[in-house]
PDB file of N, CA and C in Angstrom:
ATOM      1  N   MET A   1      84.892  -2.345  39.141  1.00  0.00           N
ATOM      2  CA  MET A   1      84.458  -1.347  38.205  1.00  0.00           C
ATOM      3  C   MET A   1      82.363  -0.769  39.025  1.00  0.00           C
ATOM      4  N   THR A   2      82.643  -0.124  38.877  1.00  0.00           N
ATOM      5  CA  THR A   2      81.425   0.274  39.424  1.00  0.00           C
ATOM      6  C   THR A   2      80.087   1.415  38.357  1.00  0.00           C
ATOM      7  N   LEU A   3      79.434   0.896  38.333  1.00  0.00           N
ATOM      8  CA  LEU A   3      78.031   1.487  36.752  1.00  0.00           C
ATOM      9  C   LEU A   3      77.742   3.019  36.843  1.00  0.00           C
ATOM     10  N   SER A   4      78.659   3.583  37.423  1.00  0.00           N
ATOM     11  CA  SER A   4      78.543   5.124  36.894  1.00  0.00           C
ATOM     12  C   SER A   4      79.976   5.119  36.363  1.00  0.00           C
ATOM     13  N   PHE A   5      81.043   4.741  36.941  1.00  0.00           N
ATOM     14  CA  PHE A   5      82.300   4.176  35.435  1.00  0.00           C
ATOM     15  C   PHE A   5      81.398   3.750  34.099  1.00  0.00           C
ATOM     16  N   LEU A   6      80.958   2.147  33.571  1.00  0.00           N
ATOM     17  CA  LEU A   6      79.863   2.066  32.660  1.00  0.00           C
ATOM     18  C   LEU A   6      79.348   2.406  31.859  1.00  0.00           C
ATOM     19  N   VAL A   7      78.498   3.569  32.742  1.00  0.00           N
ATOM     20  CA  VAL A   7      77.848   4.719  32.083  1.00  0.00           C
ATOM     21  C   VAL A   7      79.049   5.598  31.448  1.00  0.00           C
ATOM     22  N   ALA A   8      80.040   5.743  32.024  1.00  0.00           N
ATOM     23  CA  ALA A   8      80.350   7.499  31.708  1.00  0.00           C
ATOM     24  C   ALA A   8      81.728   6.846  30.526  1.00  0.00           C
ATOM     25  N   THR A   9      82.157   5.899  30.565  1.00  0.00           N
ATOM     26  CA  THR A   9      83.114   5.364  29.831  1.00  0.00           C
ATOM     27  C   THR A   9      82.200   4.353  28.360  1.00  0.00           C
ATOM     28  N   THR A  10      81.095   3.731  28.728  1.00  0.00           N
ATOM     29  CA  THR A  10      80.088   4.048  27.443  1.00  0.00           C
ATOM     30  C   THR A  10      79.966   4.876  26.035  1.00  0.00           C
ATOM     31  N   ALA A  11      79.730   6.108  27.250  1.00  0.00           N
ATOM     32  CA  ALA A  11      79.239   7.177  26.387  1.00  0.00           C
ATOM     33  C   ALA A  11      80.375   7.990  25.793  1.00  0.00           C
ATOM     34  N   GLN A  12      81.532   7.760  26.840  1.00  0.00           N
ATOM     35  CA  GLN A  12      82.574   8.960  26.100  1.00  0.00           C
ATOM     36  C   GLN A  12      83.591   7.789  25.111  1.00  0.00           C
ATOM     37  N   LEU A  13      82.912   6.955  24.736  1.00  0.00           N
ATOM     38  CA  LEU A  13      83.127   5.684  23.759  1.00  0.00           C
ATOM     39  C   LEU A  13      82.157   6.181  22.123  1.00  0.00           C
ATOM     40  N   PHE A  14      81.161   6.565  22.872  1.00  0.00           N
ATOM     41  CA  PHE A  14      80.080   6.317  22.050  1.00  0.00           C
ATOM     42  C   PHE A  14      80.365   7.778  21.759  1.00  0.00           C
ATOM     43  N   ILE A  15      80.535   8.943  21.821  1.00  0.00           N
ATOM     44  CA  ILE A  15      80.577  10.334  21.647  1.00  0.00           C
ATOM     45  C   ILE A  15      82.168  10.269  20.434  1.00  0.00           C
ATOM     46  N   PHE A  16      83.638   9.402  20.905  1.00  0.00           N
ATOM     47  CA  PHE A  16      84.747   9.296  20.138  1.00  0.00           C
ATOM     48  C   PHE A  16      84.305   8.696  18.990  1.00  0.00           C
ATOM     49  N   ALA A  17      83.679   7.744  18.865  1.00  0.00           N
ATOM     50  CA  ALA A  17      83.188   7.088  17.265  1.00  0.00           C
ATOM     51  C   ALA A  17      81.992   7.911  16.841  1.00  0.00           C
ATOM     52  N   ILE A  18      81.637   8.896  16.861  1.00  0.00           N
ATOM     53  CA  ILE A  18      80.778   9.991  16.717  1.00  0.00           C
ATOM     54  C   ILE A  18      81.423  10.835  15.637  1.00  0.00           C
ATOM     55  N   ILE A  19      82.902  11.258  16.889  1.00  0.00           N
ATOM     56  CA  ILE A  19      83.351  12.531  15.891  1.00  0.00           C
ATOM     57  C   ILE A  19      84.063  11.859  15.230  1.00  0.00           C
ATOM     58  N   ALA A  20      84.917  10.347  15.019  1.00  0.00           N
ATOM     59  CA  ALA A  20      86.097   9.307  14.451  1.00  0.00           C
ATOM     60  C   ALA A  20      84.709   9.359  12.434  1.00  0.00           C
ATOM     61  N   ARG A  21      83.373   9.271  13.446  1.00  0.00           N
ATOM     62  CA  ARG A  21      82.865   9.218  11.677  1.00  0.00           C
ATOM     63  C   ARG A  21      83.263   9.941  11.347  1.00  0.00           C
ATOM     64  N   ALA A  22      82.539  11.617  11.794  1.00  0.00           N
ATOM     65  CA  ALA A  22      82.234  12.122  11.277  1.00  0.00           C
ATOM     66  C   ALA A  22      83.655  13.060  10.729  1.00  0.00           C
ATOM     67  N   LEU A  23      85.074  12.993  10.468  1.00  0.00           N
ATOM     68  CA  LEU A  23      86.128  13.315  10.817  1.00  0.00           C
ATOM     69  C   LEU A  23      86.701  12.191   9.466  1.00  0.00           C
ATOM     70  N   LEU A  24      86.206  11.062   9.475  1.00  0.00           N
ATOM     71  CA  LEU A  24      86.580  10.361   8.264  1.00  0.00           C
ATOM     72  C   LEU A  24      85.174  10.232   7.591  1.00  0.00           C
ATOM     73  N   SER A  25      84.563  11.067   7.600  1.00  0.00           N
ATOM     74  CA  SER A  25      83.333  11.316   5.965  1.00  0.00           C
ATOM     75  C   SER A  25      84.006  12.752   5.147  1.00  0.00           C
ATOM     76  N   TRP A  26      85.421  13.441   6.068  1.00  0.00           N
ATOM     77  CA  TRP A  26      85.611  14.706   4.563  1.00  0.00           C
ATOM     78  C   TRP A  26      87.047  14.016   4.184  1.00  0.00           C
ATOM     79  N   PHE A  27      87.332  12.150   4.344  1.00  0.00           N
ATOM     80  CA  PHE A  27      87.942  11.729   3.738  1.00  0.00           C
ATOM     81  C   PHE A  27      87.816  10.456   2.974  1.00  0.00           C
ATOM     82  N   SER A  28      86.597  10.858   2.146  1.00  0.00           N
ATOM     83  CA  SER A  28      86.194  10.390   1.259  1.00  0.00           C
ATOM     84  C   SER A  28      86.732   8.956   0.369  1.00  0.00           C
ATOM     85  N   GLY A  29      88.249   9.623   0.255  1.00  0.00           N
ATOM     86  CA  GLY A  29      89.010   8.469  -1.055  1.00  0.00           C
ATOM     87  C   GLY A  29      90.027   8.004  -0.021  1.00  0.00           C
ATOM     88  N   VAL A  30      90.022   7.536   1.457  1.00  0.00           N
ATOM     89  CA  VAL A  30      90.104   6.571   1.929  1.00  0.00           C
ATOM     90  C   VAL A  30      90.207   6.106   2.123  1.00  0.00           C
ATOM     91  N   ARG A  31      90.551   4.646   0.822  1.00  0.00           N
ATOM     92  CA  ARG A  31      90.374   3.569   0.959  1.00  0.00           C
ATOM     93  C   ARG A  31      89.966   2.188   2.225  1.00  0.00           C
ATOM     94  N   ALA A  32      91.424   2.607   2.375  1.00  0.00           N
ATOM     95  CA  ALA A  32      92.136   1.951   3.439  1.00  0.00           C
ATOM     96  C   ALA A  32      91.619   1.447   4.784  1.00  0.00           C
ATOM     97  N   LEU A  33      90.886   2.390   5.149  1.00  0.00           N
ATOM     98  CA  LEU A  33      89.610   2.811   6.864  1.00  0.00           C
ATOM     99  C   LEU A  33      88.618   2.091   6.246  1.00  0.00           C
ATOM    100  N   THR A  34      87.799   1.692   5.149  1.00  0.00           N
ATOM    101  CA  THR A  34      86.824   1.023   5.320  1.00  0.00           C
ATOM    102  C   THR A  34      86.615   0.508   6.116  1.00  0.00           C
ATOM    103  N   PRO A  35      86.721  -0.420   6.559  1.00  0.00           N
ATOM    104  CA  PRO A  35      86.069  -1.674   7.168  1.00  0.00           C
ATOM    105  C   PRO A  35      86.136  -0.406   8.412  1.00  0.00           C
ATOM    106  N   VAL A  36      87.491   0.526   8.787  1.00  0.00           N
ATOM    107  CA  VAL A  36      86.292   1.251  10.531  1.00  0.00           C
ATOM    108  C   VAL A  36      85.627   1.683  10.226  1.00  0.00           C
ATOM    109  N   SER A  37      85.301   2.618   8.836  1.00  0.00           N
ATOM    110  CA  SER A  37      84.659   3.071   8.335  1.00  0.00           C
ATOM    111  C   SER A  37      83.285   2.197   8.509  1.00  0.00           C
ATOM    112  N   ALA A  38      83.241   1.246   7.942  1.00  0.00           N
ATOM    113  CA  ALA A  38      82.169   0.502   8.360  1.00  0.00           C
ATOM    114  C   ALA A  38      81.188   0.415   9.007  1.00  0.00           C
ATOM    115  N   PHE A  39      82.028  -0.083  10.585  1.00  0.00           N
ATOM    116  CA  PHE A  39      81.708  -0.829  12.055  1.00  0.00           C
ATOM    117  C   PHE A  39      81.503   1.044  12.589  1.00  0.00           C
ATOM    118  N   LEU A  40      82.723   2.079  12.057  1.00  0.00           N
ATOM    119  CA  LEU A  40      81.367   3.454  13.086  1.00  0.00           C
ATOM    120  C   LEU A  40      80.184   3.664  12.454  1.00  0.00           C
ATOM    121  N   HIS A  41      79.933   3.235  10.916  1.00  0.00           N
ATOM    122  CA  HIS A  41      78.522   3.909  10.983  1.00  0.00           C
ATOM    123  C   HIS A  41      77.452   2.937  11.294  1.00  0.00           C
ATOM    124  N   GLU A  42      77.769   1.807  11.137  1.00  0.00           N
ATOM    125  CA  GLU A  42      76.980   0.499  11.975  1.00  0.00           C
ATOM    126  C   GLU A  42      76.824   0.720  13.280  1.00  0.00           C
ATOM    127  N   VAL A  43      77.147   1.333  13.877  1.00  0.00           N
ATOM    128  CA  VAL A  43      77.198   1.914  15.209  1.00  0.00           C
ATOM    129  C   VAL A  43      76.376   2.990  15.895  1.00  0.00           C
ATOM    130  N   THR A  44      76.786   4.253  14.723  1.00  0.00           N
ATOM    131  CA  THR A  44      76.599   5.443  14.880  1.00  0.00           C
ATOM    132  C   THR A  44      75.521   5.490  14.499  1.00  0.00           C
ATOM    133  N   ASN A  45      75.241   5.151  13.581  1.00  0.00           N
ATOM    134  CA  ASN A  45      73.121   4.659  12.575  1.00  0.00           C
ATOM    135  C   ASN A  45      72.003   4.662  13.367  1.00  0.00           C
ATOM    136  N   PRO A  46      71.935   3.603  14.598  1.00  0.00           N
ATOM    137  CA  PRO A  46      70.627   3.754  14.839  1.00  0.00           C
ATOM    138  C   PRO A  46      70.738   5.633  16.021  1.00  0.00           C
ATOM    139  N   VAL A  47      71.508   6.146  16.435  1.00  0.00           N
ATOM    140  CA  VAL A  47      71.829   7.506  17.280  1.00  0.00           C
ATOM    141  C   VAL A  47      71.642   8.634  15.479  1.00  0.00           C
ATOM    142  N   LEU A  48      72.205   8.488  14.965  1.00  0.00           N
ATOM    143  CA  LEU A  48      72.601   9.440  13.918  1.00  0.00           C
ATOM    144  C   LEU A  48      71.293   9.984  13.060  1.00  0.00           C
ATOM    145  N   GLN A  49      70.747   8.379  12.418  1.00  0.00           N
ATOM    146  CA  GLN A  49      69.746   8.644  11.285  1.00  0.00           C
ATOM    147  C   GLN A  49      68.655   8.904  11.502  1.00  0.00           C
ATOM    148  N   PRO A  50      67.738   8.781  12.505  1.00  0.00           N
ATOM    149  CA  PRO A  50      66.618   9.852  13.428  1.00  0.00           C
ATOM    150  C   PRO A  50      66.765  11.546  13.259  1.00  0.00           C
ATOM    151  N   ILE A  51      67.886  11.358  13.555  1.00  0.00           N
ATOM    152  CA  ILE A  51      68.593  13.197  13.465  1.00  0.00           C
ATOM    153  C   ILE A  51      68.351  14.106  12.552  1.00  0.00           C
ATOM    154  N   GLN A  52      69.488  12.468  11.379  1.00  0.00           N
ATOM    155  CA  GLN A  52      69.276  13.348  10.451  1.00  0.00           C
ATOM    156  C   GLN A  52      68.247  13.137   9.257  1.00  0.00           C
ATOM    157  N   GLN A  53      67.117  12.456   9.839  1.00  0.00           N
ATOM    158  CA  GLN A  53      65.276  11.986   8.824  1.00  0.00           C
ATOM    159  C   GLN A  53      65.048  13.812   9.663  1.00  0.00           C
ATOM    160  N   ARG A  54      65.189  14.266  10.280  1.00  0.00           N
ATOM    161  CA  ARG A  54      64.689  15.417  11.448  1.00  0.00           C
ATOM    162  C   ARG A  54      65.270  16.412  10.999  1.00  0.00           C
ATOM    163  N   LEU A  55      66.404  16.896  10.963  1.00  0.00           N
ATOM    164  CA  LEU A  55      67.393  17.874  10.735  1.00  0.00           C
ATOM    165  C   LEU A  55      68.571  17.713   9.731  1.00  0.00           C
ATOM    166  N   ARG A  56      67.903  18.401   9.030  1.00  0.00           N
ATOM    167  CA  ARG A  56      68.701  18.730   6.951  1.00  0.00           C
ATOM    168  C   ARG A  56      69.993  18.879   7.443  1.00  0.00           C
ATOM    169  N   PRO A  57      70.980  18.979   6.649  1.00  0.00           N
ATOM    170  CA  PRO A  57      72.025  19.808   6.675  1.00  0.00           C
ATOM    171  C   PRO A  57      71.982  21.064   6.078  1.00  0.00           C
ATOM    172  N   VAL A  58      72.543  22.163   6.526  1.00  0.00           N
ATOM    173  CA  VAL A  58      72.564  23.456   6.304  1.00  0.00           C
ATOM    174  C   VAL A  58      73.492  23.758   5.649  1.00  0.00           C
ATOM    175  N   GLY A  59      73.832  24.199   4.246  1.00  0.00           N
ATOM    176  CA  GLY A  59      74.552  24.888   3.381  1.00  0.00           C
ATOM    177  C   GLY A  59      75.334  23.394   3.390  1.00  0.00           C
ATOM    178  N   GLY A  60      75.688  21.804   3.276  1.00  0.00           N
ATOM    179  CA  GLY A  60      76.077  21.012   2.866  1.00  0.00           C
ATOM    180  C   GLY A  60      76.660  20.327   4.333  1.00  0.00           C
ATOM    181  N   PHE A  61      76.761  20.940   5.504  1.00  0.00           N
ATOM    182  CA  PHE A  61      77.003  20.994   6.990  1.00  0.00           C
ATOM    183  C   PHE A  61      75.591  19.863   7.597  1.00  0.00           C
ATOM    184  N   ASP A  62      76.627  18.606   7.791  1.00  0.00           N
ATOM    185  CA  ASP A  62      75.798  17.720   9.107  1.00  0.00           C
ATOM    186  C   ASP A  62      75.310  18.048   9.966  1.00  0.00           C
ATOM    187  N   PHE A  63      74.763  18.751  11.065  1.00  0.00           N
ATOM    188  CA  PHE A  63      75.265  18.681  12.574  1.00  0.00           C
ATOM    189  C   PHE A  63      74.318  18.078  12.947  1.00  0.00           C
ATOM    190  N   SER A  64      73.995  16.697  12.297  1.00  0.00           N
ATOM    191  CA  SER A  64      73.719  15.437  13.661  1.00  0.00           C
ATOM    192  C   SER A  64      74.109  15.080  14.356  1.00  0.00           C
ATOM    193  N   PRO A  65      76.023  15.082  13.571  1.00  0.00           N
ATOM    194  CA  PRO A  65      76.826  14.628  14.816  1.00  0.00           C
ATOM    195  C   PRO A  65      76.797  15.797  16.518  1.00  0.00           C
ATOM    196  N   ILE A  66      76.938  16.749  16.280  1.00  0.00           N
ATOM    197  CA  ILE A  66      76.706  17.897  17.211  1.00  0.00           C
ATOM    198  C   ILE A  66      75.061  17.528  18.546  1.00  0.00           C
ATOM    199  N   VAL A  67      74.159  17.496  17.127  1.00  0.00           N
ATOM    200  CA  VAL A  67      73.122  16.938  18.105  1.00  0.00           C
ATOM    201  C   VAL A  67      73.010  16.053  19.233  1.00  0.00           C
ATOM    202  N   ALA A  68      73.212  14.878  18.536  1.00  0.00           N
ATOM    203  CA  ALA A  68      73.574  13.558  19.261  1.00  0.00           C
ATOM    204  C   ALA A  68      74.881  13.963  20.184  1.00  0.00           C
ATOM    205  N   ILE A  69      76.006  13.751  20.242  1.00  0.00           N
ATOM    206  CA  ILE A  69      76.823  14.231  21.404  1.00  0.00           C
ATOM    207  C   ILE A  69      76.308  14.845  21.920  1.00  0.00           C
ATOM    208  N   PHE A  70      75.441  15.956  22.050  1.00  0.00           N
ATOM    209  CA  PHE A  70      74.834  17.366  23.243  1.00  0.00           C
ATOM    210  C   PHE A  70      73.926  16.893  24.061  1.00  0.00           C
ATOM    211  N   LEU A  71      73.234  15.995  22.893  1.00  0.00           N
ATOM    212  CA  LEU A  71      72.080  14.581  23.405  1.00  0.00           C
ATOM    213  C   LEU A  71      72.209  13.116  24.437  1.00  0.00           C
ATOM    214  N   ILE A  72      73.423  12.668  24.036  1.00  0.00           N
ATOM    215  CA  ILE A  72      74.491  12.010  25.093  1.00  0.00           C
ATOM    216  C   ILE A  72      74.991  12.347  25.685  1.00  0.00           C
ATOM    217  N   SER A  73      75.626  13.427  25.983  1.00  0.00           N
ATOM    218  CA  SER A  73      75.697  14.422  27.134  1.00  0.00           C
ATOM    219  C   SER A  73      74.799  14.201  28.004  1.00  0.00           C
ATOM    220  N   ILE A  74      73.868  14.569  28.057  1.00  0.00           N
ATOM    221  CA  ILE A  74      72.857  15.574  28.585  1.00  0.00           C
ATOM    222  C   ILE A  74      72.120  13.892  28.925  1.00  0.00           C
ATOM    223  N   MET A  75      71.655  12.595  28.601  1.00  0.00           N
ATOM    224  CA  MET A  75      71.545  11.257  29.176  1.00  0.00           C
ATOM    225  C   MET A  75      72.581  10.969  30.117  1.00  0.00           C
ATOM    226  N   GLU A  76      74.136  11.133  30.310  1.00  0.00           N
ATOM    227  CA  GLU A  76      74.895  10.738  30.303  1.00  0.00           C
ATOM    228  C   GLU A  76      74.790  11.290  31.563  1.00  0.00           C
ATOM    229  N   SER A  77      74.952  12.266  31.945  1.00  0.00           N
ATOM    230  CA  SER A  77      74.962  13.307  33.216  1.00  0.00           C
ATOM    231  C   SER A  77      73.501  12.555  34.391  1.00  0.00           C
ATOM    232  N   LEU A  78      72.462  12.598  33.049  1.00  0.00           N
ATOM    233  CA  LEU A  78      70.640  12.662  33.903  1.00  0.00           C
ATOM    234  C   LEU A  78      71.190  11.045  35.178  1.00  0.00           C
ATOM    235  N   VAL A  79      72.090  10.167  33.551  1.00  0.00           N
ATOM    236  CA  VAL A  79      72.162   8.784  34.443  1.00  0.00           C
ATOM    237  C   VAL A  79      72.420   8.356  35.654  1.00  0.00           C
ATOM    238  N   LEU A  80      74.181  10.046  35.460  1.00  0.00           N
ATOM    239  CA  LEU A  80      74.710   9.710  36.698  1.00  0.00           C
ATOM    240  C   LEU A  80      74.466  10.551  37.674  1.00  0.00           C
ATOM    241  N   ASN A  81      73.494  11.484  37.512  1.00  0.00           N
ATOM    242  CA  ASN A  81      72.839  12.189  38.651  1.00  0.00           C
ATOM    243  C   ASN A  81      72.241  11.322  39.286  1.00  0.00           C
ATOM    244  N   LEU A  82      70.919  10.163  38.657  1.00  0.00           N
ATOM    245  CA  LEU A  82      70.915   9.299  38.872  1.00  0.00           C
ATOM    246  C   LEU A  82      71.384   8.100  39.690  1.00  0.00           C
ATOM    247  N   LEU A  83      72.060   7.024  39.817  1.00  0.00           N
ATOM    248  CA  LEU A  83      72.657   7.174  40.163  1.00  0.00           C
ATOM    249  C   LEU A  83      74.051   7.593  40.914  1.00  0.00           C
ATOM    250  N   GLY A  84      74.343   8.330  41.368  1.00  0.00           N
ATOM    251  CA  GLY A  84      74.750   9.089  42.086  1.00  0.00           C
ATOM    252  C   GLY A  84      75.820   8.921  41.937  1.00  0.00           C
ATOM    253  N   GLY A  85      76.843   8.688  41.285  1.00  0.00           N
ATOM    254  CA  GLY A  85      78.350   9.360  40.164  1.00  0.00           C
ATOM    255  C   GLY A  85      78.567  10.270  40.970  1.00  0.00           C
ATOM    256  N   HIS A  86      77.743  11.496  39.915  1.00  0.00           N
ATOM    257  CA  HIS A  86      78.538  12.815  39.679  1.00  0.00           C
ATOM    258  C   HIS A  86      78.020  14.155  40.588  1.00  0.00           C
TER     259      HIS A  86
END
């Protein structure tokens, strides 16, 4: 396993966690997924919370997951380029 693979996999898993958190937020009545939801909040809060503090919801829509995914993708690309992986 190369470092490039590890960076790419970690970034993709984190993006998946952000998407899953956003999707679960639409279904607030689902109680069976509470442990999953709590885990996703704990994992993604360090990235999403600072963005949410600077970027308020517009029309009730939270754009922080989109911004976070964009930033993670840029960082992943930069790191992979530095490592010579892509």
